[in-house]
């Protein structure tokens, strides 16, 4: 009995310390809602009241009144692509935000004649601090009419747009794709102006491709007019709910634990879960009394 009590106390301490770590220790992973540092999405999530989903099964398949933001550094499965296609075809707005990831899988699955180049877009003249942070001022008329003057990108790429889709933003003519990685323009490398954001209609919905997911992160969301640009294109789509799909992003054990804890909290809020929880607590509370009664009867 004494060993049992010591085991239960030790288990309770371990669970409590784990809970404290999961709840209060911040994430440092890119594009995570729980990350308050330069590379997280805490500010975007709060400002736009966005929901972050951590598993493919949580991605909505019905798109009405919803904008889905997908960022991927892992390949999409066929099931994931089918789910995203259903989302767009049923009226959703999809923001494909990519630089050196797997965004082209999504664009190709949707039958769009556009793709991310995948090489860094540098601008040695029109930039913020250095050429890796290009400033974009060539914006579509409806974007400029909303009072948006410039975007500030961070280690972005560019878009090749084949069909006459609606171009929302282009780089300056001094920008270029650093195809050989020497951070200098060389003859034969693609020069600007280059598309960095474009929009296309698909099914009953629409797709917006943006060649830099970093405009979402804490250190960039308020740089230039990045936040205003995102707000404008979301409002133009007429959507009311924003969902960020983080299922294709690398996650640390802490991030996976935070996601699991959030899922557990949501399930514990359900009525049947609360009944089971109360029953488990009562059972553990009454167990020593029951064991004591059994012992007395045996004596």
Protein backbone atom coordinates (compact mmCIF):
# COMPACT_ATOMS: atom_id res chain seq x y z
CA UNK A 1 0.00 0.00 0.00
CA UNK A 2 2.82 2.40 0.88
CA UNK A 3 4.57 1.62 -2.40
CA UNK A 4 1.34 2.27 -4.26
CA UNK A 5 0.96 5.69 -2.60
CA UNK A 6 4.56 6.65 -3.36
CA UNK A 7 4.09 5.58 -6.97
CA UNK A 8 0.91 7.67 -7.29
CA UNK A 9 2.61 10.71 -5.72
CA UNK A 10 5.59 10.39 -8.06
CA UNK A 11 3.28 10.02 -11.04
CA UNK A 12 1.31 13.09 -9.97
CA UNK A 13 4.50 15.15 -9.65
CA UNK A 14 5.71 14.05 -13.09
CA UNK A 15 2.35 14.88 -14.67
CA UNK A 16 2.22 18.26 -12.95
CA UNK A 17 5.74 19.23 -14.06
CA UNK A 18 4.97 18.04 -17.60
CA UNK A 19 1.77 20.05 -17.64
CA UNK A 20 3.62 23.18 -16.49
CA UNK A 21 6.23 22.73 -19.23
CA UNK A 22 3.68 22.12 -21.97
CA UNK A 23 1.46 25.00 -20.88
CA UNK A 24 3.96 27.73 -20.07
CA UNK A 25 7.19 26.95 -21.93
CA UNK A 26 7.06 28.80 -25.28
CA UNK A 27 7.62 27.16 -28.64
CA UNK A 28 10.60 28.27 -30.73
CA UNK A 29 9.52 26.48 -33.92
CA UNK A 30 8.76 28.39 -37.14
CA UNK A 31 5.11 29.34 -37.81
CA UNK A 32 3.79 28.09 -34.46
CA UNK A 33 1.00 29.92 -32.63
CA UNK A 34 2.68 29.27 -29.26
CA UNK A 35 5.93 30.90 -30.45
CA UNK A 36 6.16 34.53 -29.20
CA UNK A 37 9.58 35.09 -30.77
CA UNK A 38 10.52 36.55 -34.16
CA UNK A 39 9.61 33.44 -36.20
CA UNK A 40 6.26 32.55 -34.60
CA UNK A 41 2.63 33.25 -35.49
CA UNK A 42 1.40 34.52 -32.13
CA UNK A 43 0.80 38.09 -33.35
CA UNK A 44 -0.87 37.04 -36.60
CA UNK A 45 -3.10 34.55 -34.78
CA UNK A 46 -4.21 37.17 -32.27
CA UNK A 47 -4.74 39.96 -34.80
CA UNK A 48 -6.61 37.86 -37.34
CA UNK A 49 -8.29 35.52 -34.83
CA UNK A 50 -6.94 32.58 -36.83
CA UNK A 51 -7.37 28.94 -35.89
CA UNK A 52 -4.28 26.74 -36.29
CA UNK A 53 -4.78 23.06 -37.07
CA UNK A 54 -2.01 20.56 -36.45
CA UNK A 55 -3.17 17.42 -38.28
CA UNK A 56 -4.49 16.87 -41.83
CA UNK A 57 -7.79 15.52 -40.49
CA UNK A 58 -8.51 18.93 -38.95
CA UNK A 59 -8.25 20.74 -42.29
CA UNK A 60 -11.79 21.73 -43.37
CA UNK A 61 -13.10 20.06 -46.51
CA UNK A 62 -16.08 22.39 -46.90
CA UNK A 63 -14.86 25.81 -47.93
CA UNK A 64 -17.83 28.13 -47.50
CA UNK A 65 -16.97 31.30 -45.54
CA UNK A 66 -13.45 30.03 -44.80
CA UNK A 67 -9.94 30.98 -45.87
CA UNK A 68 -7.33 28.26 -45.49
CA UNK A 69 -3.64 29.17 -45.30
CA UNK A 70 -1.28 26.33 -46.14
CA UNK A 71 2.50 26.41 -45.60
CA UNK A 72 4.45 23.25 -46.32
CA UNK A 73 7.97 22.00 -45.78
CA UNK A 74 6.91 18.36 -46.09
CA UNK A 75 5.41 16.65 -49.15
CA UNK A 76 1.61 16.48 -49.32
CA UNK A 77 -0.04 13.09 -49.49
CA UNK A 78 -2.69 12.35 -52.12
CA UNK A 79 -5.31 12.45 -49.36
CA UNK A 80 -4.12 15.90 -48.23
CA UNK A 81 -4.27 17.26 -51.78
CA UNK A 82 -7.73 15.79 -52.29
CA UNK A 83 -8.93 17.42 -49.07
CA UNK A 84 -7.55 20.82 -50.14
CA UNK A 85 -9.07 20.48 -53.63
CA UNK A 86 -12.48 19.72 -52.12
CA UNK A 87 -12.11 22.77 -49.89
CA UNK A 88 -11.52 25.10 -52.85
CA UNK A 89 -14.11 23.51 -55.14
CA UNK A 90 -16.81 23.98 -52.48
CA UNK A 91 -16.24 27.72 -52.27
CA UNK A 92 -13.24 28.20 -49.99
CA UNK A 93 -10.35 30.60 -50.48
CA UNK A 94 -6.91 29.00 -50.30
CA UNK A 95 -3.74 30.98 -49.56
CA UNK A 96 -0.76 28.94 -50.72
CA UNK A 97 2.27 30.54 -49.06
CA UNK A 98 5.62 29.07 -50.04
CA UNK A 99 9.23 29.87 -50.83
CA UNK A 100 11.37 26.73 -50.88
CA UNK A 101 8.79 24.12 -49.86
CA UNK A 102 6.15 22.00 -51.56
CA UNK A 103 3.59 24.61 -52.59
CA UNK A 104 3.86 23.57 -56.23
CA UNK A 105 2.22 20.26 -55.35
CA UNK A 106 -0.90 22.18 -54.34
CA UNK A 107 -0.89 24.46 -57.39
CA UNK A 108 -0.47 21.51 -59.75
CA UNK A 109 -3.19 19.48 -57.98
CA UNK A 110 -5.57 22.39 -58.53
CA UNK A 111 -4.68 22.52 -62.24
CA UNK A 112 -3.15 26.00 -62.07
CA UNK A 113 -0.62 27.19 -64.61
CA UNK A 114 1.61 28.83 -62.02
CA UNK A 115 4.43 27.67 -59.78
CA UNK A 116 6.98 28.87 -57.26
CA UNK A 117 10.47 29.23 -58.70
CA UNK A 118 12.12 28.02 -55.48
CA UNK A 119 15.25 30.18 -55.78
CA UNK A 120 15.84 33.22 -53.53
CA UNK A 121 14.46 36.55 -54.72
CA UNK A 122 17.05 39.26 -53.96
CA UNK A 123 16.86 43.00 -54.55
CA UNK A 124 20.12 44.95 -54.05
CA UNK A 125 18.44 48.36 -54.41
CA UNK A 126 14.82 48.34 -53.22
CA UNK A 127 15.02 46.55 -49.89
CA UNK A 128 14.83 46.81 -46.11
CA UNK A 129 18.34 46.58 -44.61
CA UNK A 130 19.69 44.07 -47.15
CA UNK A 131 18.87 42.40 -50.46
CA UNK A 132 17.35 39.36 -48.72
CA UNK A 133 14.49 41.61 -47.58
CA UNK A 134 13.02 42.95 -50.86
CA UNK A 135 10.48 45.78 -50.74
CA UNK A 136 7.59 45.43 -53.18
CA UNK A 137 5.73 48.56 -54.34
CA UNK A 138 4.22 47.37 -57.64
CA UNK A 139 0.76 46.42 -56.42
CA UNK A 140 -2.57 45.83 -58.16
CA UNK A 141 -4.79 48.96 -58.44
CA UNK A 142 -7.43 47.65 -56.00
CA UNK A 143 -4.69 46.92 -53.47
CA UNK A 144 -3.25 50.44 -53.76
CA UNK A 145 -6.73 51.96 -53.54
CA UNK A 146 -7.03 50.33 -50.11
CA UNK A 147 -4.11 52.48 -48.94
CA UNK A 148 -1.49 49.73 -49.16
CA UNK A 149 1.82 51.06 -50.45
CA UNK A 150 4.40 48.32 -49.99
CA UNK A 151 5.19 44.80 -48.84
CA UNK A 152 8.40 43.76 -47.14
CA UNK A 153 9.51 40.21 -47.89
CA UNK A 154 11.96 37.99 -46.04
CA UNK A 155 13.98 35.32 -47.89
CA UNK A 156 11.23 35.05 -50.50
CA UNK A 157 11.08 33.48 -53.93
CA UNK A 158 8.91 34.44 -56.94
CA UNK A 159 6.06 33.00 -58.98
CA UNK A 160 6.00 31.94 -62.61
CA UNK A 161 2.51 32.71 -63.85
CA UNK A 162 1.57 31.18 -67.21
CA UNK A 163 -2.08 32.11 -67.73
CA UNK A 164 -3.49 35.62 -67.36
CA UNK A 165 -4.33 35.21 -63.70
CA UNK A 166 -4.77 38.34 -61.60
CA UNK A 167 -1.36 39.59 -60.45
CA UNK A 168 -1.55 41.22 -57.01
CA UNK A 169 2.10 42.20 -56.49
CA UNK A 170 5.38 42.30 -58.43
CA UNK A 171 8.96 42.93 -57.38
CA UNK A 172 10.98 45.84 -58.72
CA UNK A 173 12.94 45.51 -61.94
CA UNK A 174 16.19 45.45 -59.93
CA UNK A 175 15.23 42.19 -58.20
CA UNK A 176 16.54 38.86 -59.47
CA UNK A 177 16.50 35.15 -58.74
CA UNK A 178 19.82 34.02 -57.26
CA UNK A 179 19.89 30.74 -59.14
CA UNK A 180 23.53 29.85 -58.42
CA UNK A 181 23.53 31.00 -54.79
CA UNK A 182 26.39 33.52 -54.98
CA UNK A 183 24.18 36.49 -53.88
CA UNK A 184 25.12 38.43 -57.03
CA UNK A 185 23.23 38.77 -60.29
CA UNK A 186 24.93 36.89 -63.10
CA UNK A 187 24.13 36.91 -66.78
CA UNK A 188 21.35 34.47 -67.52
CA UNK A 189 19.71 34.68 -64.09
CA UNK A 190 16.04 35.70 -64.12
CA UNK A 191 15.53 39.41 -63.48
CA UNK A 192 12.54 41.40 -62.29
CA UNK A 193 9.91 42.54 -62.24
CA UNK A 194 8.76 39.15 -60.92
CA UNK A 195 5.35 38.16 -59.60
CA UNK A 196 5.22 37.57 -55.83
CA UNK A 197 1.45 37.29 -55.38
CA UNK A 198 -1.29 36.18 -57.78
CA UNK A 199 -4.94 35.14 -57.63
CA UNK A 200 -6.97 32.62 -59.65
CA UNK A 201 -10.54 31.30 -59.58
CA UNK A 202 -10.92 27.55 -59.07
CA UNK A 203 -14.29 25.79 -58.94
CA UNK A 204 -16.58 27.75 -56.65
CA UNK A 205 -13.62 29.18 -54.72
CA UNK A 206 -10.31 30.85 -55.32
CA UNK A 207 -6.57 30.48 -54.80
CA UNK A 208 -4.05 33.15 -53.86
CA UNK A 209 -0.38 32.21 -54.17
CA UNK A 210 2.14 34.28 -52.20
CA UNK A 211 5.85 33.57 -52.58
CA UNK A 212 6.80 34.34 -48.98
CA UNK A 213 5.15 32.78 -45.92
CA UNK A 214 7.42 34.88 -43.69
CA UNK A 215 5.14 37.91 -44.01
CA UNK A 216 3.01 36.14 -41.39
CA UNK A 217 5.66 35.84 -38.66
CA UNK A 218 5.90 38.12 -35.63
CA UNK A 219 8.91 40.07 -36.89
CA UNK A 220 7.36 40.74 -40.33
CA UNK A 221 3.60 41.02 -39.92
CA UNK A 222 3.78 44.75 -39.12
CA UNK A 223 6.71 45.45 -41.46
CA UNK A 224 5.64 47.69 -44.33
CA UNK A 225 1.95 47.08 -45.07
CA UNK A 226 2.11 43.29 -44.74
CA UNK A 227 -0.76 43.00 -42.25
CA UNK A 228 -2.94 45.43 -44.22
CA UNK A 229 -2.27 43.49 -47.44
CA UNK A 230 -3.31 40.19 -45.87
CA UNK A 231 -6.39 41.77 -44.36
CA UNK A 232 -7.39 43.29 -47.70
CA UNK A 233 -7.11 40.11 -49.77
CA UNK A 234 -9.01 38.16 -47.11
CA UNK A 235 -11.75 40.79 -47.01
CA UNK A 236 -11.96 40.82 -50.81
CA UNK A 237 -12.59 37.09 -50.69
CA UNK A 238 -15.50 37.75 -48.32
CA UNK A 239 -14.43 35.08 -45.86
CA UNK A 240 -15.16 35.12 -42.15
CA UNK A 241 -13.07 32.28 -40.70
CA UNK A 242 -9.29 31.91 -41.05
CA UNK A 243 -7.59 28.53 -40.62
CA UNK A 244 -3.83 27.98 -40.78
CA UNK A 245 -2.76 24.45 -41.68
CA UNK A 246 0.46 23.64 -39.83
CA UNK A 247 0.23 19.89 -40.43
CA UNK A 248 2.94 19.98 -43.12
CA UNK A 249 5.43 21.93 -40.98
CA UNK A 250 8.23 20.41 -38.89
CA UNK A 251 7.34 20.26 -35.19
CA UNK A 252 9.39 19.76 -32.05
CA UNK A 253 8.28 17.31 -29.30
CA UNK A 254 7.09 20.35 -27.34
CA UNK A 255 4.86 21.50 -30.20
CA UNK A 256 3.41 18.02 -30.61
CA UNK A 257 2.72 17.90 -26.86
CA UNK A 258 1.04 21.31 -26.96
CA UNK A 259 -1.15 20.14 -29.84
CA UNK A 260 -2.06 16.93 -28.02
CA UNK A 261 -2.88 18.87 -24.84
CA UNK A 262 -5.08 21.30 -26.80
CA UNK A 263 -6.93 18.36 -28.36
CA UNK A 264 -7.36 16.76 -24.95
CA UNK A 265 -8.73 20.01 -23.50
CA UNK A 266 -11.27 20.28 -26.31
CA UNK A 267 -12.38 16.69 -25.79
CA UNK A 268 -12.60 17.11 -22.01
CA UNK A 269 -15.00 19.98 -22.59
CA UNK A 270 -17.52 17.54 -24.09
CA UNK A 271 -20.31 16.39 -21.69
CA UNK A 272 -19.55 12.66 -21.86
CA UNK A 273 -15.86 13.34 -21.23
CA UNK A 274 -16.69 15.36 -18.13
CA UNK A 275 -18.83 12.50 -16.80
CA UNK A 276 -15.98 10.03 -17.33
CA UNK A 277 -13.50 12.43 -15.71
CA UNK A 278 -15.69 12.91 -12.63
CA UNK A 279 -16.13 9.13 -12.41
CA UNK A 280 -12.38 8.55 -12.58
CA UNK A 281 -11.70 11.16 -9.89
CA UNK A 282 -14.34 9.65 -7.58
CA UNK A 283 -12.93 6.16 -8.16
CA UNK A 284 -9.41 7.25 -7.26
CA UNK A 285 -10.69 9.17 -4.24
CA UNK A 286 -12.77 6.29 -2.88
CA UNK A 287 -10.23 3.56 -3.70
CA UNK A 288 -8.33 3.81 -0.35
CA UNK A 289 -11.64 3.65 1.59
CA UNK A 290 -12.75 0.62 -0.39
CA UNK A 291 -9.42 -1.12 0.19
CA UNK A 292 -9.61 -0.30 3.89
CA UNK A 293 -13.12 -1.79 4.08
CA UNK A 294 -11.95 -4.98 2.37
CA UNK A 295 -9.07 -5.26 4.84
CA UNK A 296 -11.39 -4.88 7.85
CA UNK A 297 -13.73 -7.60 6.53
CA UNK A 298 -10.82 -9.96 6.05
CA UNK A 299 -9.66 -9.41 9.63
